[in-house]
């Protein structure tokens, strides 16, 4: 069995939590085909970085950079109003910088 996913997209937002974890939001384009047209949509996916790569990545990653991420999916349970909800967390294990130039450059 293999728990692995590959995501390629633009870094939309970079956030550092109180626990010094880095969470980046990737904007990933996807096309939806309707009967007569092709509609382009963007999915925004939060990706948590492993602590081992935090120190290296934070110095180089910028918003609007295009990156490739090798990640795994980690199921977690969240308590919401006494009800337990299962969600999937995306944990980045490796990041490859595809294009670090922003639209301004």
N, C-alpha and C. Protein backbone atom coordinates (compact mmCIF):
# COMPACT_ATOMS: atom_id res chain seq x y z
N UNK A 1 0.84 -1.18 0.00
CA UNK A 1 0.00 0.00 0.00
C UNK A 1 0.88 1.24 0.00
N UNK A 2 0.34 2.31 -0.56
CA UNK A 2 1.11 3.53 -0.72
C UNK A 2 0.25 4.73 -0.36
N UNK A 3 0.72 5.53 0.55
CA UNK A 3 0.03 6.76 0.94
C UNK A 3 0.88 7.92 0.45
N UNK A 4 0.61 8.36 -0.77
CA UNK A 4 1.42 9.39 -1.37
C UNK A 4 0.59 10.19 -2.37
N UNK A 5 0.81 11.50 -2.40
CA UNK A 5 0.16 12.33 -3.41
C UNK A 5 1.16 13.38 -3.89
N UNK A 6 0.97 13.83 -5.11
CA UNK A 6 1.80 14.85 -5.72
C UNK A 6 0.90 16.03 -6.06
N UNK A 7 1.28 17.22 -5.61
CA UNK A 7 0.52 18.43 -5.88
C UNK A 7 1.44 19.44 -6.55
N UNK A 8 0.94 20.12 -7.56
CA UNK A 8 1.70 21.18 -8.22
C UNK A 8 0.79 22.40 -8.30
N UNK A 9 1.27 23.51 -7.78
CA UNK A 9 0.46 24.73 -7.81
C UNK A 9 1.24 25.93 -7.35
N UNK A 10 0.53 27.07 -7.26
CA UNK A 10 1.15 28.31 -6.81
C UNK A 10 0.89 28.51 -5.33
N UNK A 11 1.91 28.98 -4.63
CA UNK A 11 1.77 29.27 -3.20
C UNK A 11 0.91 30.52 -3.07
N UNK A 12 -0.25 30.36 -2.45
CA UNK A 12 -1.18 31.47 -2.29
C UNK A 12 -0.95 32.19 -0.96
N UNK A 13 -0.65 31.41 0.09
CA UNK A 13 -0.49 31.99 1.42
C UNK A 13 0.49 31.14 2.22
N UNK A 14 1.27 31.79 3.08
CA UNK A 14 2.19 31.11 3.98
C UNK A 14 1.82 31.52 5.40
N UNK A 15 1.56 30.54 6.26
CA UNK A 15 1.19 30.84 7.64
C UNK A 15 2.06 30.03 8.59
N UNK A 16 2.44 30.66 9.69
CA UNK A 16 3.20 29.98 10.75
C UNK A 16 2.29 29.90 11.96
N UNK A 17 2.08 28.69 12.48
CA UNK A 17 1.19 28.50 13.62
C UNK A 17 1.91 28.80 14.92
N UNK A 18 1.17 28.76 16.02
CA UNK A 18 1.76 28.99 17.35
C UNK A 18 2.78 27.92 17.70
N UNK A 19 2.65 26.73 17.09
CA UNK A 19 3.58 25.62 17.35
C UNK A 19 4.77 25.64 16.39
N UNK A 20 4.99 26.76 15.70
CA UNK A 20 6.05 26.92 14.70
C UNK A 20 5.92 25.94 13.55
N UNK A 21 4.71 25.53 13.24
CA UNK A 21 4.46 24.72 12.05
C UNK A 21 4.13 25.67 10.90
N UNK A 22 4.59 25.30 9.71
CA UNK A 22 4.32 26.11 8.54
C UNK A 22 3.22 25.44 7.73
N UNK A 23 2.21 26.21 7.41
CA UNK A 23 1.12 25.73 6.56
C UNK A 23 1.07 26.64 5.34
N UNK A 24 1.18 26.05 4.17
CA UNK A 24 1.08 26.83 2.94
C UNK A 24 -0.23 26.47 2.25
N UNK A 25 -0.82 27.45 1.63
CA UNK A 25 -2.04 27.23 0.85
C UNK A 25 -1.65 27.25 -0.61
N UNK A 26 -1.91 26.13 -1.29
CA UNK A 26 -1.60 26.01 -2.71
C UNK A 26 -2.85 26.30 -3.54
N UNK A 27 -2.68 27.08 -4.58
CA UNK A 27 -3.74 27.28 -5.55
C UNK A 27 -3.47 26.36 -6.73
N UNK A 28 -4.36 25.40 -6.96
CA UNK A 28 -4.16 24.39 -7.99
C UNK A 28 -5.28 24.51 -9.02
N UNK A 29 -4.89 24.75 -10.27
CA UNK A 29 -5.88 24.90 -11.34
C UNK A 29 -6.49 23.56 -11.70
N UNK A 30 -7.79 23.59 -11.97
CA UNK A 30 -8.45 22.40 -12.52
C UNK A 30 -9.52 22.86 -13.46
N UNK A 31 -9.73 22.07 -14.49
CA UNK A 31 -10.71 22.42 -15.51
C UNK A 31 -11.98 21.60 -15.33
N UNK A 32 -13.11 22.26 -15.51
CA UNK A 32 -14.41 21.61 -15.46
C UNK A 32 -15.03 21.74 -16.84
N UNK A 33 -15.39 20.63 -17.42
CA UNK A 33 -15.99 20.66 -18.76
C UNK A 33 -17.51 20.60 -18.62
N UNK A 34 -18.15 21.62 -19.17
CA UNK A 34 -19.61 21.58 -19.25
C UNK A 34 -19.97 21.19 -20.68
N UNK A 35 -21.22 21.25 -21.02
CA UNK A 35 -21.66 20.80 -22.34
C UNK A 35 -20.99 21.56 -23.48
N UNK A 36 -20.83 22.86 -23.31
CA UNK A 36 -20.32 23.65 -24.43
C UNK A 36 -19.07 24.48 -24.13
N UNK A 37 -18.54 24.39 -22.92
CA UNK A 37 -17.36 25.19 -22.61
C UNK A 37 -16.48 24.51 -21.55
N UNK A 38 -15.26 25.01 -21.47
CA UNK A 38 -14.29 24.54 -20.48
C UNK A 38 -14.11 25.65 -19.45
N UNK A 39 -14.45 25.36 -18.21
CA UNK A 39 -14.38 26.36 -17.15
C UNK A 39 -13.15 26.07 -16.29
N UNK A 40 -12.32 27.09 -16.08
CA UNK A 40 -11.13 26.92 -15.25
C UNK A 40 -11.44 27.35 -13.82
N UNK A 41 -11.15 26.47 -12.89
CA UNK A 41 -11.35 26.71 -11.47
C UNK A 41 -10.02 26.59 -10.75
N UNK A 42 -9.95 27.14 -9.54
CA UNK A 42 -8.76 26.98 -8.72
C UNK A 42 -9.19 26.39 -7.38
N UNK A 43 -8.56 25.27 -7.01
CA UNK A 43 -8.77 24.67 -5.70
C UNK A 43 -7.68 25.18 -4.77
N UNK A 44 -8.05 25.57 -3.56
CA UNK A 44 -7.08 26.01 -2.56
C UNK A 44 -6.94 24.92 -1.52
N UNK A 45 -5.73 24.38 -1.40
CA UNK A 45 -5.47 23.25 -0.52
C UNK A 45 -4.39 23.62 0.49
N UNK A 46 -4.69 23.44 1.77
CA UNK A 46 -3.71 23.69 2.83
C UNK A 46 -2.79 22.48 2.96
N UNK A 47 -1.49 22.75 3.05
CA UNK A 47 -0.49 21.71 3.17
C UNK A 47 0.41 22.04 4.36
N UNK A 48 0.52 21.10 5.30
CA UNK A 48 1.38 21.29 6.46
C UNK A 48 2.77 20.73 6.13
N UNK A 49 3.81 21.50 6.46
CA UNK A 49 5.18 21.06 6.19
C UNK A 49 5.72 20.27 7.37
N UNK A 50 6.47 19.22 7.09
CA UNK A 50 7.15 18.48 8.14
C UNK A 50 8.15 19.40 8.83
N UNK A 51 8.33 19.22 10.12
CA UNK A 51 9.27 20.06 10.87
C UNK A 51 10.68 19.97 10.32
N UNK A 52 11.05 18.83 9.73
CA UNK A 52 12.41 18.65 9.21
C UNK A 52 12.69 19.58 8.03
N UNK A 53 11.67 19.98 7.29
CA UNK A 53 11.91 20.85 6.13
C UNK A 53 11.53 22.30 6.39
N UNK A 54 10.95 22.59 7.56
CA UNK A 54 10.54 23.95 7.88
C UNK A 54 11.69 24.95 7.78
N UNK A 55 12.81 24.64 8.43
CA UNK A 55 13.93 25.58 8.51
C UNK A 55 14.48 25.93 7.14
N UNK A 56 14.56 24.95 6.26
CA UNK A 56 15.10 25.19 4.93
C UNK A 56 14.11 25.95 4.06
N UNK A 57 12.87 25.57 4.10
CA UNK A 57 11.87 26.11 3.19
C UNK A 57 11.51 27.56 3.50
N UNK A 58 11.41 27.91 4.77
CA UNK A 58 10.93 29.25 5.14
C UNK A 58 11.81 30.36 4.58
N UNK A 59 13.09 30.09 4.38
CA UNK A 59 14.00 31.10 3.84
C UNK A 59 13.82 31.31 2.34
N UNK A 60 13.28 30.33 1.64
CA UNK A 60 13.24 30.39 0.18
C UNK A 60 11.85 30.51 -0.42
N UNK A 61 10.84 30.05 0.28
CA UNK A 61 9.51 30.02 -0.32
C UNK A 61 8.88 31.41 -0.28
N UNK A 62 8.19 31.78 -1.37
CA UNK A 62 7.52 33.07 -1.47
C UNK A 62 6.12 32.85 -2.02
N UNK A 63 5.25 33.77 -1.74
CA UNK A 63 3.92 33.71 -2.33
C UNK A 63 4.04 33.85 -3.84
N UNK A 64 3.18 33.18 -4.55
CA UNK A 64 3.11 33.12 -6.02
C UNK A 64 4.20 32.26 -6.65
N UNK A 65 5.06 31.63 -5.86
CA UNK A 65 6.03 30.70 -6.42
C UNK A 65 5.30 29.42 -6.81
N UNK A 66 5.73 28.81 -7.90
CA UNK A 66 5.15 27.54 -8.32
C UNK A 66 6.00 26.42 -7.73
N UNK A 67 5.35 25.49 -7.03
CA UNK A 67 6.07 24.41 -6.36
C UNK A 67 5.42 23.07 -6.66
N UNK A 68 6.22 22.03 -6.56
CA UNK A 68 5.72 20.66 -6.60
C UNK A 68 5.91 20.07 -5.22
N UNK A 69 4.90 19.41 -4.72
CA UNK A 69 4.96 18.86 -3.36
C UNK A 69 4.65 17.38 -3.38
N UNK A 70 5.56 16.60 -2.78
CA UNK A 70 5.30 15.18 -2.53
C UNK A 70 4.81 15.11 -1.10
N UNK A 71 3.64 14.52 -0.91
CA UNK A 71 3.01 14.55 0.41
C UNK A 71 2.34 13.22 0.72
N UNK A 72 1.89 13.13 1.96
CA UNK A 72 1.08 11.98 2.38
C UNK A 72 -0.19 12.53 3.02
N UNK A 73 -1.19 11.69 3.07
CA UNK A 73 -2.48 12.09 3.64
C UNK A 73 -2.60 11.47 5.02
N UNK A 74 -2.89 12.33 6.01
CA UNK A 74 -3.00 11.87 7.39
C UNK A 74 -4.43 12.12 7.88
N UNK A 75 -5.17 11.05 8.17
CA UNK A 75 -6.52 11.26 8.69
C UNK A 75 -6.46 11.71 10.15
N UNK A 76 -7.25 12.72 10.47
CA UNK A 76 -7.33 13.18 11.86
C UNK A 76 -8.80 13.32 12.23
N UNK A 77 -9.06 13.33 13.53
CA UNK A 77 -10.42 13.50 14.02
C UNK A 77 -10.50 14.82 14.77
N UNK A 78 -11.55 15.60 14.47
CA UNK A 78 -11.76 16.89 15.10
C UNK A 78 -13.09 16.86 15.82
N UNK A 79 -13.11 17.35 17.06
CA UNK A 79 -14.34 17.41 17.84
C UNK A 79 -15.03 18.74 17.56
N UNK A 80 -16.22 18.69 16.98
CA UNK A 80 -17.00 19.88 16.68
C UNK A 80 -18.34 19.75 17.38
N UNK A 81 -18.55 20.57 18.38
CA UNK A 81 -19.80 20.57 19.14
C UNK A 81 -20.18 19.18 19.64
N UNK A 82 -19.20 18.44 20.15
CA UNK A 82 -19.45 17.11 20.69
C UNK A 82 -19.55 16.02 19.65
N UNK A 83 -19.41 16.37 18.37
CA UNK A 83 -19.47 15.39 17.31
C UNK A 83 -18.07 15.23 16.70
N UNK A 84 -17.67 14.01 16.50
CA UNK A 84 -16.34 13.72 15.97
C UNK A 84 -16.38 13.68 14.44
N UNK A 85 -15.56 14.52 13.82
CA UNK A 85 -15.52 14.60 12.36
C UNK A 85 -14.13 14.18 11.89
N UNK A 86 -14.10 13.29 10.90
CA UNK A 86 -12.82 12.85 10.32
C UNK A 86 -12.51 13.71 9.10
N UNK A 87 -11.28 14.24 9.07
CA UNK A 87 -10.82 15.02 7.93
C UNK A 87 -9.43 14.53 7.54
N UNK A 88 -9.01 14.91 6.36
CA UNK A 88 -7.69 14.52 5.88
C UNK A 88 -6.77 15.73 5.92
N UNK A 89 -5.57 15.50 6.45
CA UNK A 89 -4.55 16.53 6.51
C UNK A 89 -3.47 16.16 5.50
N UNK A 90 -2.99 17.12 4.73
CA UNK A 90 -1.94 16.88 3.75
C UNK A 90 -0.61 17.28 4.40
N UNK A 91 0.32 16.33 4.50
CA UNK A 91 1.62 16.56 5.13
C UNK A 91 2.70 16.51 4.06
N UNK A 92 3.36 17.64 3.81
CA UNK A 92 4.42 17.71 2.79
C UNK A 92 5.69 17.06 3.30
N UNK A 93 6.26 16.18 2.49
CA UNK A 93 7.52 15.52 2.83
C UNK A 93 8.68 16.06 2.02
N UNK A 94 8.38 16.60 0.82
CA UNK A 94 9.42 17.14 -0.04
C UNK A 94 8.82 18.23 -0.91
N UNK A 95 9.58 19.32 -1.09
CA UNK A 95 9.12 20.41 -1.94
C UNK A 95 10.16 20.67 -3.01
N UNK A 96 9.69 20.81 -4.24
CA UNK A 96 10.55 21.15 -5.37
C UNK A 96 10.09 22.50 -5.91
N UNK A 97 11.03 23.43 -6.01
CA UNK A 97 10.71 24.75 -6.55
C UNK A 97 10.73 24.67 -8.07
N UNK A 98 9.61 24.95 -8.69
CA UNK A 98 9.50 24.91 -10.14
C UNK A 98 9.78 26.28 -10.73
N UNK A 99 9.19 27.31 -10.13
CA UNK A 99 9.42 28.68 -10.59
C UNK A 99 9.28 29.57 -9.37
N UNK A 100 10.34 30.27 -9.01
CA UNK A 100 10.28 31.12 -7.83
C UNK A 100 10.00 32.57 -8.16
N UNK A 101 9.90 32.91 -9.44
CA UNK A 101 9.58 34.28 -9.82
C UNK A 101 8.11 34.54 -9.60
N UNK A 102 7.82 35.71 -9.06
CA UNK A 102 6.43 36.09 -8.86
C UNK A 102 5.96 36.86 -10.07
N UNK A 103 4.68 37.17 -10.10
CA UNK A 103 4.11 37.92 -11.23
C UNK A 103 4.69 39.32 -11.31
N UNK A 104 5.17 39.86 -10.19
CA UNK A 104 5.73 41.22 -10.16
C UNK A 104 7.11 41.29 -10.79
N UNK A 105 7.83 40.16 -10.83
CA UNK A 105 9.21 40.15 -11.31
C UNK A 105 9.29 39.93 -12.80
